[in-house]
C-alpha cells in the first residue's frame, strides 16, 4: 500500500465544541424508542457462544470519507450486541468499522475475573459505550461509512467521544488500545485504519486487556477468516 493512500485514510480532526453541540441537540430525545430486551439478549447470547450474528458490510467501505467528507450524526447508545456492534435508542444496529470484537470462546483472566474472550470483548464495549455517552449527556456522534440492505439492517460507522483528557477519542481506538478489541482488517489482512493497527500492536506489547493473558492465542483465523484460518 502506498504511503499516499495511508494518509488519505487518516481521520479528520474533530473539535470538542462540535461534539458537545451535536450531543446537546438530541439530549432531550434519548428515549425515542424502548430497547427490546429479547432482541439484545438474542444477539448477546449468540456472541457469547462465539457466533457474531451482526453481518459485515455487503459492499466495501471507503474509510477515506473520514478525512474527505466527515459528516457526523448523533446517536444514543442502548446496549452492546457484540464486541464491536451496538443498538441505539432508535433500534438501529451500528457496527464499528474500525474494530473487530473477539470471537474466541477461550477462557481468559482479566482483573481477577475469568470469562471467555467473547464475554470480555462484549463487556468491554458495553463499558466503553457508557464512558463515551457519559461525556456528552448520553449521546455521541458517529460518521457512517455505509449500510446493509435487508434484515437485520446494519449501519457501519466510526464514533467519537470526549475522553478524560478533554480530547476527541475514536471509540474503535479506545477499545483496541485497551485490549478489548482488535483492529478491523480486510480479507487480505490489511488494517482498514493503519493507526488502529498501531494501537493494537501497542496493546499487545503492553499486555493490556485480552493481551494480558499469557495463554492467549492470537485469533488469526477469526480476523482473516476469508483468507486463512488456524
Protein backbone atom coordinates (compact mmCIF):
# COMPACT_ATOMS: atom_id res chain seq x y z
CA UNK A 1 0.00 0.00 0.00
CA UNK A 2 1.37 3.38 -0.98
CA UNK A 3 2.10 5.94 1.70
CA UNK A 4 -0.17 8.45 -0.04
CA UNK A 5 -3.10 6.07 0.39
CA UNK A 6 -2.38 5.69 4.08
CA UNK A 7 -2.50 9.44 4.53
CA UNK A 8 -5.89 9.57 2.81
CA UNK A 9 -7.28 7.22 5.40
CA UNK A 10 -6.31 9.42 8.34
CA UNK A 11 -9.28 10.58 10.39
CA UNK A 12 -10.01 14.27 10.15
CA UNK A 13 -9.61 16.19 13.43
CA UNK A 14 -12.82 16.97 15.30
CA UNK A 15 -13.21 19.75 17.83
CA UNK A 16 -14.64 19.20 21.31
CA UNK A 17 -17.12 22.03 20.73
CA UNK A 18 -18.56 20.26 17.69
CA UNK A 19 -19.14 17.07 19.67
CA UNK A 20 -20.79 18.94 22.55
CA UNK A 21 -23.12 20.80 20.19
CA UNK A 22 -24.17 17.61 18.42
CA UNK A 23 -24.83 15.79 21.69
CA UNK A 24 -26.86 18.60 23.24
CA UNK A 25 -29.15 18.75 20.20
CA UNK A 26 -30.51 15.28 20.91
CA UNK A 27 -30.13 15.05 24.68
CA UNK A 28 -33.86 15.57 25.16
CA UNK A 29 -34.70 12.73 22.77
CA UNK A 30 -32.86 9.86 24.45
CA UNK A 31 -35.99 7.75 24.98
CA UNK A 32 -37.25 7.82 21.39
CA UNK A 33 -37.75 4.04 21.35
CA UNK A 34 -37.57 1.43 24.10
CA UNK A 35 -34.85 -1.18 23.82
CA UNK A 36 -36.31 -4.63 23.06
CA UNK A 37 -34.70 -6.77 25.77
CA UNK A 38 -35.19 -10.08 23.96
CA UNK A 39 -33.61 -8.65 20.82
CA UNK A 40 -30.49 -7.61 22.73
CA UNK A 41 -30.34 -10.88 24.66
CA UNK A 42 -30.60 -12.88 21.43
CA UNK A 43 -27.54 -11.22 19.91
CA UNK A 44 -25.54 -11.21 23.13
CA UNK A 45 -26.14 -14.91 23.82
CA UNK A 46 -25.11 -15.84 20.30
CA UNK A 47 -21.95 -13.76 20.58
CA UNK A 48 -21.09 -15.29 23.95
CA UNK A 49 -21.09 -18.70 22.25
CA UNK A 50 -18.75 -17.47 19.52
CA UNK A 51 -21.32 -16.57 16.86
CA UNK A 52 -21.46 -12.99 15.57
CA UNK A 53 -24.96 -12.53 14.12
CA UNK A 54 -24.33 -8.93 13.04
CA UNK A 55 -23.22 -9.25 9.41
CA UNK A 56 -20.32 -7.41 7.88
CA UNK A 57 -20.73 -4.88 5.06
CA UNK A 58 -22.27 -6.05 1.80
CA UNK A 59 -20.08 -3.58 -0.06
CA UNK A 60 -16.53 -2.45 0.53
CA UNK A 61 -16.43 0.51 2.89
CA UNK A 62 -14.48 3.62 1.95
CA UNK A 63 -12.53 4.87 5.01
CA UNK A 64 -11.29 7.92 3.08
CA UNK A 65 -14.62 9.68 3.72
CA UNK A 66 -13.47 10.24 7.31
CA UNK A 67 -10.81 12.59 6.00
CA UNK A 68 -12.53 13.94 2.89
CA UNK A 69 -16.21 14.24 3.77
CA UNK A 70 -16.72 13.90 7.52
CA UNK A 71 -20.42 14.03 8.38
CA UNK A 72 -21.42 13.42 11.98
CA UNK A 73 -24.78 12.14 13.20
CA UNK A 74 -25.58 11.94 16.89
CA UNK A 75 -26.66 8.58 18.31
CA UNK A 76 -27.86 7.49 21.72
CA UNK A 77 -26.40 4.04 22.52
CA UNK A 78 -28.52 1.47 24.31
CA UNK A 79 -26.56 -1.79 24.60
CA UNK A 80 -23.70 -3.75 23.07
CA UNK A 81 -24.76 -6.68 20.89
CA UNK A 82 -21.27 -8.00 20.14
CA UNK A 83 -17.71 -6.86 20.78
CA UNK A 84 -17.98 -4.20 18.08
CA UNK A 85 -21.69 -3.62 17.43
CA UNK A 86 -24.44 -1.97 19.45
CA UNK A 87 -28.07 -0.94 19.19
CA UNK A 88 -29.10 2.69 19.60
CA UNK A 89 -32.22 4.32 21.01
CA UNK A 90 -33.94 4.09 17.62
CA UNK A 91 -33.27 0.34 17.49
CA UNK A 92 -30.68 0.74 14.75
CA UNK A 93 -27.75 -1.71 14.76
CA UNK A 94 -24.46 0.15 14.45
CA UNK A 95 -21.25 -1.77 13.82
CA UNK A 96 -17.87 -0.11 14.34
CA UNK A 97 -15.97 -0.21 11.07
CA UNK A 98 -12.52 0.08 12.61
CA UNK A 99 -12.72 -2.52 15.38
CA UNK A 100 -13.21 -6.28 15.48
CA UNK A 101 -14.53 -7.84 18.67
CA UNK A 102 -13.00 -11.06 19.94
CA UNK A 103 -14.93 -14.11 18.71
CA UNK A 104 -12.91 -16.74 20.56
CA UNK A 105 -14.53 -18.61 23.43
CA UNK A 106 -11.14 -19.25 25.04
CA UNK A 107 -11.32 -18.70 28.81
CA UNK A 108 -9.20 -15.75 29.94
CA UNK A 109 -8.37 -13.92 33.17
CA UNK A 110 -8.82 -10.15 33.43
CA UNK A 111 -8.78 -8.07 36.61
CA UNK A 112 -9.45 -11.13 38.75
CA UNK A 113 -12.39 -12.23 36.62
CA UNK A 114 -12.40 -15.36 34.50
CA UNK A 115 -14.52 -15.27 31.37
CA UNK A 116 -14.42 -16.14 27.70
CA UNK A 117 -12.73 -13.78 25.26
CA UNK A 118 -16.11 -13.08 23.67
CA UNK A 119 -17.61 -12.03 27.01
CA UNK A 120 -14.66 -9.80 27.85
CA UNK A 121 -14.98 -8.11 24.48
CA UNK A 122 -18.76 -7.72 24.86
CA UNK A 123 -18.42 -6.32 28.38
CA UNK A 124 -15.67 -4.02 27.14
CA UNK A 125 -17.91 -2.44 24.52
CA UNK A 126 -20.77 -2.06 27.00
CA UNK A 127 -18.47 -0.23 29.41
CA UNK A 128 -17.00 1.87 26.60
CA UNK A 129 -20.48 2.92 25.45
CA UNK A 130 -21.27 4.12 28.96
CA UNK A 131 -17.98 6.02 29.16
CA UNK A 132 -18.47 7.60 25.74
CA UNK A 133 -22.09 8.60 26.34
CA UNK A 134 -21.41 9.96 29.84
CA UNK A 135 -19.16 12.66 28.41
CA UNK A 136 -22.00 14.29 26.48
CA UNK A 137 -25.41 13.79 28.10
CA UNK A 138 -25.89 10.21 26.97
CA UNK A 139 -25.05 10.63 23.29
CA UNK A 140 -22.10 10.77 20.94
CA UNK A 141 -21.57 11.41 17.20
CA UNK A 142 -20.79 8.86 14.50
CA UNK A 143 -19.67 9.12 10.89
CA UNK A 144 -21.41 6.48 8.78
CA UNK A 145 -19.46 4.74 6.03
CA UNK A 146 -22.23 2.55 4.67
CA UNK A 147 -25.23 0.35 5.42
CA UNK A 148 -26.58 -3.09 4.54
CA UNK A 149 -29.97 -3.65 2.97
CA UNK A 150 -32.36 -6.32 4.17
CA UNK A 151 -32.67 -7.72 7.68
CA UNK A 152 -31.08 -7.06 10.03
CA UNK A 153 -30.46 -3.51 8.91
CA UNK A 154 -26.90 -2.58 9.89
CA UNK A 155 -25.06 0.73 9.60
CA UNK A 156 -21.27 0.87 9.69
CA UNK A 157 -19.63 3.76 11.46
CA UNK A 158 -16.76 5.29 13.31
CA UNK A 159 -17.92 7.00 16.51
CA UNK A 160 -16.24 9.59 18.71
CA UNK A 161 -16.41 10.94 22.25
CA UNK A 162 -14.57 13.30 24.56
CA UNK A 163 -12.02 11.45 26.67
CA UNK A 164 -10.87 12.12 30.23
CA UNK A 165 -8.14 14.40 28.87
CA UNK A 166 -10.76 16.50 27.03
CA UNK A 167 -9.53 15.25 23.68
CA UNK A 168 -11.67 13.66 21.00
CA UNK A 169 -11.30 9.86 21.06
CA UNK A 170 -12.42 7.38 18.38
CA UNK A 171 -14.46 4.64 20.05
CA UNK A 172 -12.78 1.91 17.98
CA UNK A 173 -9.32 3.05 19.00
CA UNK A 174 -10.41 3.29 22.64
CA UNK A 175 -11.39 -0.40 22.61
CA UNK A 176 -8.32 -1.55 20.69
CA UNK A 177 -5.83 0.40 22.80
CA UNK A 178 -7.28 -1.19 25.96
CA UNK A 179 -7.01 -4.69 24.56
CA UNK A 180 -10.78 -5.20 24.33
CA UNK A 181 -10.96 -5.49 20.54
CA UNK A 182 -8.70 -5.87 17.52
CA UNK A 183 -8.10 -3.64 14.52
CA UNK A 184 -10.58 -4.49 11.77
CA UNK A 185 -8.91 -5.85 8.68
CA UNK A 186 -9.73 -6.62 5.06
CA UNK A 187 -9.76 -10.24 3.82
CA UNK A 188 -6.12 -9.82 2.73
CA UNK A 189 -5.11 -8.92 6.30
CA UNK A 190 -4.55 -5.19 5.73
CA UNK A 191 -5.90 -2.95 8.50
CA UNK A 192 -8.74 -0.68 7.41
CA UNK A 193 -7.19 2.05 9.55
CA UNK A 194 -3.38 1.85 9.92
CA UNK A 195 -3.49 3.89 13.13
CA UNK A 196 -5.71 1.21 14.72
CA UNK A 197 -3.23 -1.49 13.75
CA UNK A 198 -0.59 0.54 15.59
CA UNK A 199 -2.92 0.79 18.62
CA UNK A 200 -3.37 -2.99 18.57
CA UNK A 201 0.39 -3.54 18.44
CA UNK A 202 0.84 -1.17 21.40
CA UNK A 203 -1.82 -3.01 23.43
CA UNK A 204 -0.21 -6.35 22.67
CA UNK A 205 3.23 -5.09 23.64
CA UNK A 206 1.90 -3.58 26.87
CA UNK A 207 -0.03 -6.78 27.73
CA UNK A 208 -3.27 -4.93 28.47
CA UNK A 209 -6.80 -6.30 28.37
CA UNK A 210 -7.09 -9.57 26.50
CA UNK A 211 -3.36 -9.39 25.75
CA UNK A 212 -2.54 -9.61 29.49
CA UNK A 213 -3.16 -13.37 29.40
CA UNK A 214 -0.02 -15.39 28.81
CA UNK A 215 -2.15 -18.24 27.43
CA UNK A 216 -3.99 -16.06 24.93
CA UNK A 217 -3.81 -17.42 21.40
CA UNK A 218 -3.93 -14.65 18.83
CA UNK A 219 -7.14 -15.26 16.86
CA UNK A 220 -5.61 -15.02 13.42
CA UNK A 221 -8.26 -17.26 11.93
CA UNK A 222 -11.25 -15.32 13.22
CA UNK A 223 -9.94 -11.99 11.98
CA UNK A 224 -8.91 -13.12 8.49
CA UNK A 225 -11.41 -15.95 8.10
CA UNK A 226 -11.86 -15.31 4.40
CA UNK A 227 -8.18 -15.67 3.57
CA UNK A 228 -6.67 -18.01 6.16
CA UNK A 229 -7.72 -19.99 9.22
CA UNK A 230 -5.98 -21.60 12.14
